PDB file of N, CA and C in Angstrom:
ATOM      1  N   UNK A   1     137.042-133.040 162.144  1.00  0.00           N
ATOM      2  CA  UNK A   1     135.861-132.947 161.318  1.00  0.00           C
ATOM      3  C   UNK A   1     135.430-131.515 161.057  1.00  0.00           C
ATOM      4  N   UNK A   2     135.560-130.727 162.084  1.00  0.00           N
ATOM      5  CA  UNK A   2     135.119-129.310 161.949  1.00  0.00           C
ATOM      6  C   UNK A   2     136.013-128.505 161.042  1.00  0.00           C
ATOM      7  N   UNK A   3     137.244-128.867 161.058  1.00  0.00           N
ATOM      8  CA  UNK A   3     138.136-128.216 160.090  1.00  0.00           C
ATOM      9  C   UNK A   3     137.766-128.493 158.661  1.00  0.00           C
ATOM     10  N   UNK A   4     137.460-129.702 158.418  1.00  0.00           N
ATOM     11  CA  UNK A   4     137.015-130.131 157.019  1.00  0.00           C
ATOM     12  C   UNK A   4     135.836-129.396 156.621  1.00  0.00           C
ATOM     13  N   UNK A   5     134.911-129.197 157.513  1.00  0.00           N
ATOM     14  CA  UNK A   5     133.691-128.465 157.207  1.00  0.00           C
ATOM     15  C   UNK A   5     133.930-126.996 156.854  1.00  0.00           C
ATOM     16  N   UNK A   6     134.809-126.408 157.666  1.00  0.00           N
ATOM     17  CA  UNK A   6     135.198-124.980 157.406  1.00  0.00           C
ATOM     18  C   UNK A   6     135.908-124.899 156.081  1.00  0.00           C
ATOM     19  N   UNK A   7     136.825-125.790 155.766  1.00  0.00           N
ATOM     20  CA  UNK A   7     137.488-125.736 154.503  1.00  0.00           C
ATOM     21  C   UNK A   7     136.580-125.920 153.320  1.00  0.00           C
ATOM     22  N   UNK A   8     135.630-126.815 153.452  1.00  0.00           N
ATOM     23  CA  UNK A   8     134.594-127.042 152.454  1.00  0.00           C
ATOM     24  C   UNK A   8     133.722-125.820 152.292  1.00  0.00           C
ATOM     25  N   UNK A   9     133.322-125.190 153.365  1.00  0.00           N
ATOM     26  CA  UNK A   9     132.532-124.032 153.244  1.00  0.00           C
ATOM     27  C   UNK A   9     133.247-122.827 152.576  1.00  0.00           C
ATOM     28  N   UNK A  10     134.628-122.656 152.880  1.00  0.00           N
ATOM     29  CA  UNK A  10     135.411-121.634 152.353  1.00  0.00           C
ATOM     30  C   UNK A  10     135.558-121.957 150.803  1.00  0.00           C
ATOM     31  N   UNK A  11     135.734-123.182 150.462  1.00  0.00           N
ATOM     32  CA  UNK A  11     135.944-123.548 149.090  1.00  0.00           C
ATOM     33  C   UNK A  11     134.663-123.287 148.252  1.00  0.00           C
ATOM     34  N   UNK A  12     133.542-123.512 148.870  1.00  0.00           N
ATOM     35  CA  UNK A  12     132.207-123.290 148.245  1.00  0.00           C
ATOM     36  C   UNK A  12     132.032-121.761 148.077  1.00  0.00           C
ATOM     37  N   UNK A  13     132.356-120.926 149.067  1.00  0.00           N
ATOM     38  CA  UNK A  13     132.137-119.505 148.886  1.00  0.00           C
ATOM     39  C   UNK A  13     133.118-119.014 147.843  1.00  0.00           C
ATOM     40  N   UNK A  14     134.400-119.512 147.938  1.00  0.00           N
ATOM     41  CA  UNK A  14     135.338-118.970 146.926  1.00  0.00           C
ATOM     42  C   UNK A  14     134.976-119.415 145.498  1.00  0.00           C
ATOM     43  N   UNK A  15     134.423-120.555 145.353  1.00  0.00           N
ATOM     44  CA  UNK A  15     133.966-121.020 144.022  1.00  0.00           C
ATOM     45  C   UNK A  15     132.857-120.181 143.504  1.00  0.00           C
ATOM     46  N   UNK A  16     131.899-119.917 144.463  1.00  0.00           N
ATOM     47  CA  UNK A  16     130.716-119.043 144.096  1.00  0.00           C
ATOM     48  C   UNK A  16     131.137-117.627 143.726  1.00  0.00           C
ATOM     49  N   UNK A  17     132.108-117.104 144.407  1.00  0.00           N
ATOM     50  CA  UNK A  17     132.615-115.732 144.193  1.00  0.00           C
ATOM     51  C   UNK A  17     133.301-115.615 142.761  1.00  0.00           C
ATOM     52  N   UNK A  18     134.079-116.644 142.485  1.00  0.00           N
ATOM     53  CA  UNK A  18     134.742-116.749 141.172  1.00  0.00           C
ATOM     54  C   UNK A  18     133.748-116.820 140.001  1.00  0.00           C
ATOM     55  N   UNK A  19     132.716-117.663 140.261  1.00  0.00           N
ATOM     56  CA  UNK A  19     131.601-117.715 139.266  1.00  0.00           C
ATOM     57  C   UNK A  19     130.889-116.401 139.067  1.00  0.00           C
ATOM     58  N   UNK A  20     130.694-115.780 140.260  1.00  0.00           N
ATOM     59  CA  UNK A  20     130.027-114.375 140.148  1.00  0.00           C
ATOM     60  C   UNK A  20     130.911-113.399 139.405  1.00  0.00           C
ATOM     61  N   UNK A  21     132.165-113.399 139.621  1.00  0.00           N
ATOM     62  CA  UNK A  21     133.160-112.481 138.895  1.00  0.00           C
ATOM     63  C   UNK A  21     133.145-112.803 137.469  1.00  0.00           C
ATOM     64  N   UNK A  22     133.103-114.062 137.105  1.00  0.00           N
ATOM     65  CA  UNK A  22     133.189-114.477 135.665  1.00  0.00           C
ATOM     66  C   UNK A  22     131.894-114.018 134.968  1.00  0.00           C
ATOM     67  N   UNK A  23     130.780-114.173 135.659  1.00  0.00           N
ATOM     68  CA  UNK A  23     129.459-113.728 135.057  1.00  0.00           C
ATOM     69  C   UNK A  23     129.410-112.280 134.859  1.00  0.00           C
ATOM     70  N   UNK A  24     129.910-111.492 135.824  1.00  0.00           N
ATOM     71  CA  UNK A  24     129.899-110.057 135.777  1.00  0.00           C
ATOM     72  C   UNK A  24     130.785-109.577 134.624  1.00  0.00           C
ATOM     73  N   UNK A  25     131.949-110.247 134.472  1.00  0.00           N
ATOM     74  CA  UNK A  25     132.907-109.896 133.381  1.00  0.00           C
ATOM     75  C   UNK A  25     132.240-110.229 132.024  1.00  0.00           C
ATOM     76  N   UNK A  26     131.542-111.342 131.949  1.00  0.00           N
ATOM     77  CA  UNK A  26     130.998-111.785 130.704  1.00  0.00           C
ATOM     78  C   UNK A  26     129.810-110.765 130.332  1.00  0.00           C
ATOM     79  N   UNK A  27     129.022-110.347 131.360  1.00  0.00           N
ATOM     80  CA  UNK A  27     127.942-109.439 131.162  1.00  0.00           C
ATOM     81  C   UNK A  27     128.436-108.115 130.687  1.00  0.00           C
ATOM     82  N   UNK A  28     129.484-107.624 131.341  1.00  0.00           N
ATOM     83  CA  UNK A  28     130.044-106.415 130.871  1.00  0.00           C
ATOM     84  C   UNK A  28     130.603-106.408 129.426  1.00  0.00           C
ATOM     85  N   UNK A  29     131.311-107.536 129.087  1.00  0.00           N
ATOM     86  CA  UNK A  29     131.743-107.676 127.782  1.00  0.00           C
ATOM     87  C   UNK A  29     130.616-107.767 126.753  1.00  0.00           C
ATOM     88  N   UNK A  30     129.508-108.444 127.092  1.00  0.00           N
ATOM     89  CA  UNK A  30     128.475-108.564 126.200  1.00  0.00           C
ATOM     90  C   UNK A  30     127.750-107.219 126.008  1.00  0.00           C
ATOM     91  N   UNK A  31     127.659-106.380 127.074  1.00  0.00           N
ATOM     92  CA  UNK A  31     127.129-105.127 126.936  1.00  0.00           C
ATOM     93  C   UNK A  31     127.961-104.157 126.047  1.00  0.00           C
ATOM     94  N   UNK A  32     129.299-104.246 126.265  1.00  0.00           N
ATOM     95  CA  UNK A  32     130.159-103.529 125.383  1.00  0.00           C
ATOM     96  C   UNK A  32     130.059-103.926 123.851  1.00  0.00           C
ATOM     97  N   UNK A  33     129.973-105.188 123.689  1.00  0.00           N
ATOM     98  CA  UNK A  33     129.762-105.665 122.235  1.00  0.00           C
ATOM     99  C   UNK A  33     128.464-105.199 121.681  1.00  0.00           C
ATOM    100  N   UNK A  34     127.518-105.226 122.485  1.00  0.00           N
ATOM    101  CA  UNK A  34     126.131-104.794 122.004  1.00  0.00           C
ATOM    102  C   UNK A  34     126.143-103.265 121.698  1.00  0.00           C
ATOM    103  N   UNK A  35     126.843-102.517 122.439  1.00  0.00           N
ATOM    104  CA  UNK A  35     126.948-101.051 122.307  1.00  0.00           C
ATOM    105  C   UNK A  35     127.673-100.775 120.970  1.00  0.00           C
ATOM    106  N   UNK A  36     128.838-101.593 120.763  1.00  0.00           N
ATOM    107  CA  UNK A  36     129.667-101.414 119.532  1.00  0.00           C
ATOM    108  C   UNK A  36     128.739-101.775 118.253  1.00  0.00           C
ATOM    109  N   UNK A  37     128.089-102.846 118.427  1.00  0.00           N
ATOM    110  CA  UNK A  37     127.168-103.334 117.290  1.00  0.00           C
ATOM    111  C   UNK A  37     126.113-102.305 117.004  1.00  0.00           C
ATOM    112  N   UNK A  38     125.537-101.636 117.994  1.00  0.00           N
ATOM    113  CA  UNK A  38     124.546-100.684 117.789  1.00  0.00           C
ATOM    114  C   UNK A  38     125.055 -99.409 117.154  1.00  0.00           C
ATOM    115  N   UNK A  39     126.338 -98.987 117.544  1.00  0.00           N
ATOM    116  CA  UNK A  39     127.030 -97.841 116.981  1.00  0.00           C
ATOM    117  C   UNK A  39     127.277 -98.127 115.413  1.00  0.00           C
ATOM    118  N   UNK A  40     127.692 -99.347 115.207  1.00  0.00           N
ATOM    119  CA  UNK A  40     128.061 -99.771 113.866  1.00  0.00           C
ATOM    120  C   UNK A  40     126.760 -99.802 112.915  1.00  0.00           C
ATOM    121  N   UNK A  41     125.659-100.281 113.559  1.00  0.00           N
ATOM    122  CA  UNK A  41     124.403-100.319 112.767  1.00  0.00           C
ATOM    123  C   UNK A  41     123.900 -98.940 112.487  1.00  0.00           C
ATOM    124  N   UNK A  42     124.074 -97.970 113.403  1.00  0.00           N
ATOM    125  CA  UNK A  42     123.628 -96.603 113.268  1.00  0.00           C
ATOM    126  C   UNK A  42     124.492 -95.939 112.166  1.00  0.00           C
ATOM    127  N   UNK A  43     125.772 -96.242 112.203  1.00  0.00           N
ATOM    128  CA  UNK A  43     126.656 -95.598 111.133  1.00  0.00           C
ATOM    129  C   UNK A  43     126.330 -96.149 109.781  1.00  0.00           C
ATOM    130  N   UNK A  44     126.083 -97.477 109.706  1.00  0.00           N
ATOM    131  CA  UNK A  44     125.679 -98.105 108.446  1.00  0.00           C
ATOM    132  C   UNK A  44     124.345 -97.490 107.850  1.00  0.00           C
ATOM    133  N   UNK A  45     123.360 -97.290 108.753  1.00  0.00           N
ATOM    134  CA  UNK A  45     122.076 -96.708 108.372  1.00  0.00           C
ATOM    135  C   UNK A  45     122.275 -95.237 107.851  1.00  0.00           C
ATOM    136  N   UNK A  46     123.093 -94.534 108.589  1.00  0.00           N
ATOM    137  CA  UNK A  46     123.419 -93.114 108.253  1.00  0.00           C
ATOM    138  C   UNK A  46     123.978 -93.055 106.878  1.00  0.00           C
ATOM    139  N   UNK A  47     125.045 -93.966 106.563  1.00  0.00           N
ATOM    140  CA  UNK A  47     125.674 -93.946 105.314  1.00  0.00           C
ATOM    141  C   UNK A  47     124.751 -94.466 104.200  1.00  0.00           C
ATOM    142  N   UNK A  48     123.915 -95.373 104.484  1.00  0.00           N
ATOM    143  CA  UNK A  48     122.946 -95.806 103.440  1.00  0.00           C
ATOM    144  C   UNK A  48     121.917 -94.686 103.158  1.00  0.00           C
ATOM    145  N   UNK A  49     121.523 -93.970 104.108  1.00  0.00           N
ATOM    146  CA  UNK A  49     120.588 -92.790 103.853  1.00  0.00           C
ATOM    147  C   UNK A  49     121.231 -91.764 103.029  1.00  0.00           C
ATOM    148  N   UNK A  50     122.471 -91.438 103.384  1.00  0.00           N
ATOM    149  CA  UNK A  50     123.261 -90.488 102.501  1.00  0.00           C
ATOM    150  C   UNK A  50     123.437 -90.922 101.119  1.00  0.00           C
ATOM    151  N   UNK A  51     123.788 -92.196 100.939  1.00  0.00           N
ATOM    152  CA  UNK A  51     123.930 -92.700  99.548  1.00  0.00           C
ATOM    153  C   UNK A  51     122.600 -92.698  98.796  1.00  0.00           C
ATOM    154  N   UNK A  52     121.575 -93.035  99.470  1.00  0.00           N
ATOM    155  CA  UNK A  52     120.227 -93.098  98.852  1.00  0.00           C
ATOM    156  C   UNK A  52     119.803 -91.710  98.445  1.00  0.00           C
ATOM    157  N   UNK A  53     120.028 -90.695  99.341  1.00  0.00           N
ATOM    158  CA  UNK A  53     119.673 -89.333  98.956  1.00  0.00           C
ATOM    159  C   UNK A  53     120.496 -88.801  97.794  1.00  0.00           C
ATOM    160  N   UNK A  54     121.773 -89.146  97.773  1.00  0.00           N
ATOM    161  CA  UNK A  54     122.586 -88.699  96.643  1.00  0.00           C
ATOM    162  C   UNK A  54     122.154 -89.352  95.352  1.00  0.00           C
ATOM    163  N   UNK A  55     121.792 -90.568  95.456  1.00  0.00           N
ATOM    164  CA  UNK A  55     121.321 -91.319  94.249  1.00  0.00           C
ATOM    165  C   UNK A  55     119.952 -90.739  93.688  1.00  0.00           C
ATOM    166  N   UNK A  56     119.150 -90.299  94.573  1.00  0.00           N
ATOM    167  CA  UNK A  56     117.750 -89.863  94.230  1.00  0.00           C
ATOM    168  C   UNK A  56     117.568 -88.331  94.473  1.00  0.00           C
ATOM    169  N   UNK A  57     118.539 -87.581  93.946  1.00  0.00           N
ATOM    170  CA  UNK A  57     118.409 -86.086  94.188  1.00  0.00           C
ATOM    171  C   UNK A  57     117.270 -85.535  93.371  1.00  0.00           C
ATOM    172  N   UNK A  58     116.527 -84.664  93.828  1.00  0.00           N
ATOM    173  CA  UNK A  58     115.416 -83.988  93.124  1.00  0.00           C
ATOM    174  C   UNK A  58     116.029 -82.888  92.331  1.00  0.00           C
ATOM    175  N   UNK A  59     115.718 -82.842  91.089  1.00  0.00           N
ATOM    176  CA  UNK A  59     116.196 -81.779  90.252  1.00  0.00           C
ATOM    177  C   UNK A  59     115.025 -81.004  89.593  1.00  0.00           C
ATOM    178  N   UNK A  60     115.270 -79.808  89.287  1.00  0.00           N
ATOM    179  CA  UNK A  60     114.211 -78.968  88.606  1.00  0.00           C
ATOM    180  C   UNK A  60     114.121 -79.339  87.180  1.00  0.00           C
ATOM    181  N   UNK A  61     112.908 -79.526  86.731  1.00  0.00           N
ATOM    182  CA  UNK A  61     112.662 -79.851  85.297  1.00  0.00           C
ATOM    183  C   UNK A  61     112.413 -78.563  84.573  1.00  0.00           C
ATOM    184  N   UNK A  62     113.569 -78.047  83.888  1.00  0.00           N
ATOM    185  CA  UNK A  62     113.418 -76.731  83.200  1.00  0.00           C
ATOM    186  C   UNK A  62     112.590 -76.886  81.961  1.00  0.00           C
ATOM    187  N   UNK A  63     112.552 -78.087  81.320  1.00  0.00           N
ATOM    188  CA  UNK A  63     111.664 -78.191  80.141  1.00  0.00           C
ATOM    189  C   UNK A  63     110.242 -78.168  80.491  1.00  0.00           C
ATOM    190  N   UNK A  64     109.885 -78.715  81.563  1.00  0.00           N
ATOM    191  CA  UNK A  64     108.482 -78.728  82.028  1.00  0.00           C
ATOM    192  C   UNK A  64     108.024 -77.225  82.407  1.00  0.00           C
ATOM    193  N   UNK A  65     108.933 -76.627  83.063  1.00  0.00           N
ATOM    194  CA  UNK A  65     108.598 -75.130  83.380  1.00  0.00           C
ATOM    195  C   UNK A  65     108.522 -74.312  82.165  1.00  0.00           C
ATOM    196  N   UNK A  66     109.329 -74.505  81.143  1.00  0.00           N
ATOM    197  CA  UNK A  66     109.241 -73.677  79.963  1.00  0.00           C
ATOM    198  C   UNK A  66     108.017 -74.015  79.173  1.00  0.00           C
ATOM    199  N   UNK A  67     107.601 -75.273  79.131  1.00  0.00           N
ATOM    200  CA  UNK A  67     106.455 -75.676  78.331  1.00  0.00           C
ATOM    201  C   UNK A  67     105.145 -75.208  78.999  1.00  0.00           C
ATOM    202  N   UNK A  68     105.080 -75.073  80.387  1.00  0.00           N
ATOM    203  CA  UNK A  68     103.908 -74.584  81.026  1.00  0.00           C
ATOM    204  C   UNK A  68     103.884 -73.058  80.765  1.00  0.00           C
ATOM    205  N   UNK A  69     104.977 -72.328  80.705  1.00  0.00           N
ATOM    206  CA  UNK A  69     105.045 -70.986  80.401  1.00  0.00           C
ATOM    207  C   UNK A  69     104.485 -70.742  78.953  1.00  0.00           C
ATOM    208  N   UNK A  70     104.916 -71.570  77.977  1.00  0.00           N
ATOM    209  CA  UNK A  70     104.468 -71.420  76.643  1.00  0.00           C
ATOM    210  C   UNK A  70     102.999 -71.606  76.429  1.00  0.00           C
ATOM    211  N   UNK A  71     102.445 -72.592  77.259  1.00  0.00           N
ATOM    212  CA  UNK A  71     101.065 -72.914  77.193  1.00  0.00           C
ATOM    213  C   UNK A  71     100.257 -71.662  77.720  1.00  0.00           C
ATOM    214  N   UNK A  72     100.676 -71.041  78.791  1.00  0.00           N
ATOM    215  CA  UNK A  72      99.988 -69.888  79.313  1.00  0.00           C
ATOM    216  C   UNK A  72     100.153 -68.727  78.297  1.00  0.00           C
ATOM    217  N   UNK A  73     101.208 -68.518  77.624  1.00  0.00           N
ATOM    218  CA  UNK A  73     101.382 -67.514  76.671  1.00  0.00           C
ATOM    219  C   UNK A  73     100.441 -67.691  75.497  1.00  0.00           C
ATOM    220  N   UNK A  74     100.207 -69.019  75.109  1.00  0.00           N
ATOM    221  CA  UNK A  74      99.329 -69.184  73.992  1.00  0.00           C
ATOM    222  C   UNK A  74      97.896 -68.937  74.309  1.00  0.00           C
ATOM    223  N   UNK A  75      97.484 -69.168  75.548  1.00  0.00           N
ATOM    224  CA  UNK A  75      96.163 -68.987  76.000  1.00  0.00           C
ATOM    225  C   UNK A  75      95.777 -67.492  76.146  1.00  0.00           C
ATOM    226  N   UNK A  76      96.653 -66.638  76.005  1.00  0.00           N
ATOM    227  CA  UNK A  76      96.349 -65.214  76.193  1.00  0.00           C
ATOM    228  C   UNK A  76      96.675 -64.838  77.650  1.00  0.00           C
ATOM    229  N   UNK A  77      95.797 -64.940  78.542  1.00  0.00           N
ATOM    230  CA  UNK A  77      95.995 -64.541  79.921  1.00  0.00           C
ATOM    231  C   UNK A  77      96.693 -65.675  80.593  1.00  0.00           C
ATOM    232  N   UNK A  78      97.592 -65.398  81.524  1.00  0.00           N
ATOM    233  CA  UNK A  78      98.177 -66.478  82.276  1.00  0.00           C
ATOM    234  C   UNK A  78      97.250 -66.862  83.321  1.00  0.00           C
ATOM    235  N   UNK A  79      97.182 -68.149  83.702  1.00  0.00           N
ATOM    236  CA  UNK A  79      96.282 -68.667  84.692  1.00  0.00           C
ATOM    237  C   UNK A  79      96.812 -68.496  86.083  1.00  0.00           C
ATOM    238  N   UNK A  80      95.878 -68.494  86.931  1.00  0.00           N
ATOM    239  CA  UNK A  80      96.260 -68.624  88.398  1.00  0.00           C
ATOM    240  C   UNK A  80      95.547 -69.843  88.948  1.00  0.00           C
ATOM    241  N   UNK A  81      95.877 -70.135  90.152  1.00  0.00           N
ATOM    242  CA  UNK A  81      95.211 -71.319  90.810  1.00  0.00           C
ATOM    243  C   UNK A  81      93.754 -71.121  90.961  1.00  0.00           C
ATOM    244  N   UNK A  82      93.388 -69.844  91.134  1.00  0.00           N
ATOM    245  CA  UNK A  82      91.899 -69.488  91.331  1.00  0.00           C
ATOM    246  C   UNK A  82      91.151 -69.435  90.071  1.00  0.00           C
ATOM    247  N   UNK A  83      91.651 -68.838  88.965  1.00  0.00           N
ATOM    248  CA  UNK A  83      90.856 -68.562  87.779  1.00  0.00           C
ATOM    249  C   UNK A  83      91.114 -69.500  86.644  1.00  0.00           C
ATOM    250  N   UNK A  84      92.277 -70.174  86.709  1.00  0.00           N
ATOM    251  CA  UNK A  84      92.560 -71.017  85.563  1.00  0.00           C
ATOM    252  C   UNK A  84      93.183 -70.195  84.402  1.00  0.00           C
ATOM    253  N   UNK A  85      93.476 -70.941  83.266  1.00  0.00           N
ATOM    254  CA  UNK A  85      94.135 -70.303  82.147  1.00  0.00           C
ATOM    255  C   UNK A  85      93.238 -69.298  81.382  1.00  0.00           C
ATOM    256  N   UNK A  86      91.899 -69.365  81.575  1.00  0.00           N
ATOM    257  CA  UNK A  86      90.913 -68.559  80.767  1.00  0.00           C
ATOM    258  C   UNK A  86      90.646 -67.242  81.545  1.00  0.00           C
ATOM    259  N   UNK A  87      90.973 -67.153  82.776  1.00  0.00           N
ATOM    260  CA  UNK A  87      90.656 -65.946  83.569  1.00  0.00           C
ATOM    261  C   UNK A  87      89.273 -66.085  84.028  1.00  0.00           C
ATOM    262  N   UNK A  88      88.734 -64.862  84.451  1.00  0.00           N
ATOM    263  CA  UNK A  88      87.307 -64.790  84.926  1.00  0.00           C
ATOM    264  C   UNK A  88      86.420 -64.324  83.810  1.00  0.00           C
ATOM    265  N   UNK A  89      85.299 -65.014  83.646  1.00  0.00           N
ATOM    266  CA  UNK A  89      84.279 -64.591  82.654  1.00  0.00           C
ATOM    267  C   UNK A  89      83.645 -63.281  83.124  1.00  0.00           C
ATOM    268  N   UNK A  90      83.748 -62.152  82.350  1.00  0.00           N
ATOM    269  CA  UNK A  90      83.143 -60.865  82.768  1.00  0.00           C
ATOM    270  C   UNK A  90      81.715 -60.928  82.931  1.00  0.00           C
ATOM    271  N   UNK A  91      81.003 -61.796  82.294  1.00  0.00           N
ATOM    272  CA  UNK A  91      79.486 -61.865  82.416  1.00  0.00           C
ATOM    273  C   UNK A  91      79.153 -62.259  83.904  1.00  0.00           C
ATOM    274  N   UNK A  92      79.966 -63.008  84.452  1.00  0.00           N
ATOM    275  CA  UNK A  92      79.643 -63.443  85.851  1.00  0.00           C
ATOM    276  C   UNK A  92      79.813 -62.338  86.947  1.00  0.00           C
ATOM    277  N   UNK A  93      80.330 -61.291  86.501  1.00  0.00           N
ATOM    278  CA  UNK A  93      80.674 -60.091  87.404  1.00  0.00           C
ATOM    279  C   UNK A  93      79.604 -58.983  87.315  1.00  0.00           C
ATOM    280  N   UNK A  94      78.668 -59.080  86.363  1.00  0.00           N
ATOM    281  CA  UNK A  94      77.784 -57.969  86.090  1.00  0.00           C
ATOM    282  C   UNK A  94      76.707 -57.753  87.121  1.00  0.00           C
ATOM    283  N   UNK A  95      76.195 -58.768  87.703  1.00  0.00           N
ATOM    284  CA  UNK A  95      75.090 -58.656  88.647  1.00  0.00           C
ATOM    285  C   UNK A  95      73.805 -58.097  88.075  1.00  0.00           C
ATOM    286  N   UNK A  96      73.514 -58.202  86.846  1.00  0.00           N
ATOM    287  CA  UNK A  96      72.306 -57.730  86.153  1.00  0.00           C
ATOM    288  C   UNK A  96      72.353 -56.284  85.864  1.00  0.00           C
ATOM    289  N   UNK A  97      73.311 -55.540  86.032  1.00  0.00           N
ATOM    290  CA  UNK A  97      73.339 -54.051  85.741  1.00  0.00           C
ATOM    291  C   UNK A  97      74.162 -53.717  84.575  1.00  0.00           C
ATOM    292  N   UNK A  98      74.080 -52.553  84.044  1.00  0.00           N
ATOM    293  CA  UNK A  98      74.750 -52.186  82.865  1.00  0.00           C
ATOM    294  C   UNK A  98      76.031 -51.463  83.080  1.00  0.00           C
ATOM    295  N   UNK A  99      76.292 -50.983  84.274  1.00  0.00           N
ATOM    296  CA  UNK A  99      77.511 -50.278  84.555  1.00  0.00           C
ATOM    297  C   UNK A  99      78.322 -51.074  85.489  1.00  0.00           C
ATOM    298  N   UNK A 100      79.630 -50.740  85.656  1.00  0.00           N
ATOM    299  CA  UNK A 100      80.495 -51.533  86.486  1.00  0.00           C
ATOM    300  C   UNK A 100      80.118 -51.194  87.968  1.00  0.00           C
ATOM    301  N   UNK A 101      79.546 -50.050  88.423  1.00  0.00           N
ATOM    302  CA  UNK A 101      79.229 -49.784  89.737  1.00  0.00           C
ATOM    303  C   UNK A 101      77.820 -50.225  90.132  1.00  0.00           C
ATOM    304  N   UNK A 102      77.151 -50.752  89.144  1.00  0.00           N
ATOM    305  CA  UNK A 102      75.731 -51.232  89.430  1.00  0.00           C
ATOM    306  C   UNK A 102      74.653 -50.217  89.374  1.00  0.00           C
ATOM    307  N   UNK A 103      75.021 -49.031  88.927  1.00  0.00           N
ATOM    308  CA  UNK A 103      73.960 -47.949  88.739  1.00  0.00           C
ATOM    309  C   UNK A 103      73.316 -48.032  87.378  1.00  0.00           C
ATOM    310  N   UNK A 104      72.307 -47.266  87.075  1.00  0.00           N
ATOM    311  CA  UNK A 104      71.550 -47.320  85.810  1.00  0.00           C
ATOM    312  C   UNK A 104      72.045 -46.354  84.766  1.00  0.00           C
TER     313      UNK A 104
END
């Protein structure tokens, strides 16, 4: 009867070890599959971004640039961001005096 118990215990341990090896192998295979899927997804995203950027390239609008230059030329002085197309009004610079340096 002791021999049967030992054989049963060895069989149980052996069966448990085989299950453990199978689970480890399956986990390793799943991790490799997941890593491959992640690499494939990143490559697909990169390719989609490249295709999107190629389809939506920003180009210079030369006609808009020329029309803005023509408008500035028609207005006399060319505008800046600070003064606008009309320039600075000379009356705002006088400070109530008759000469440019403020003397009488």
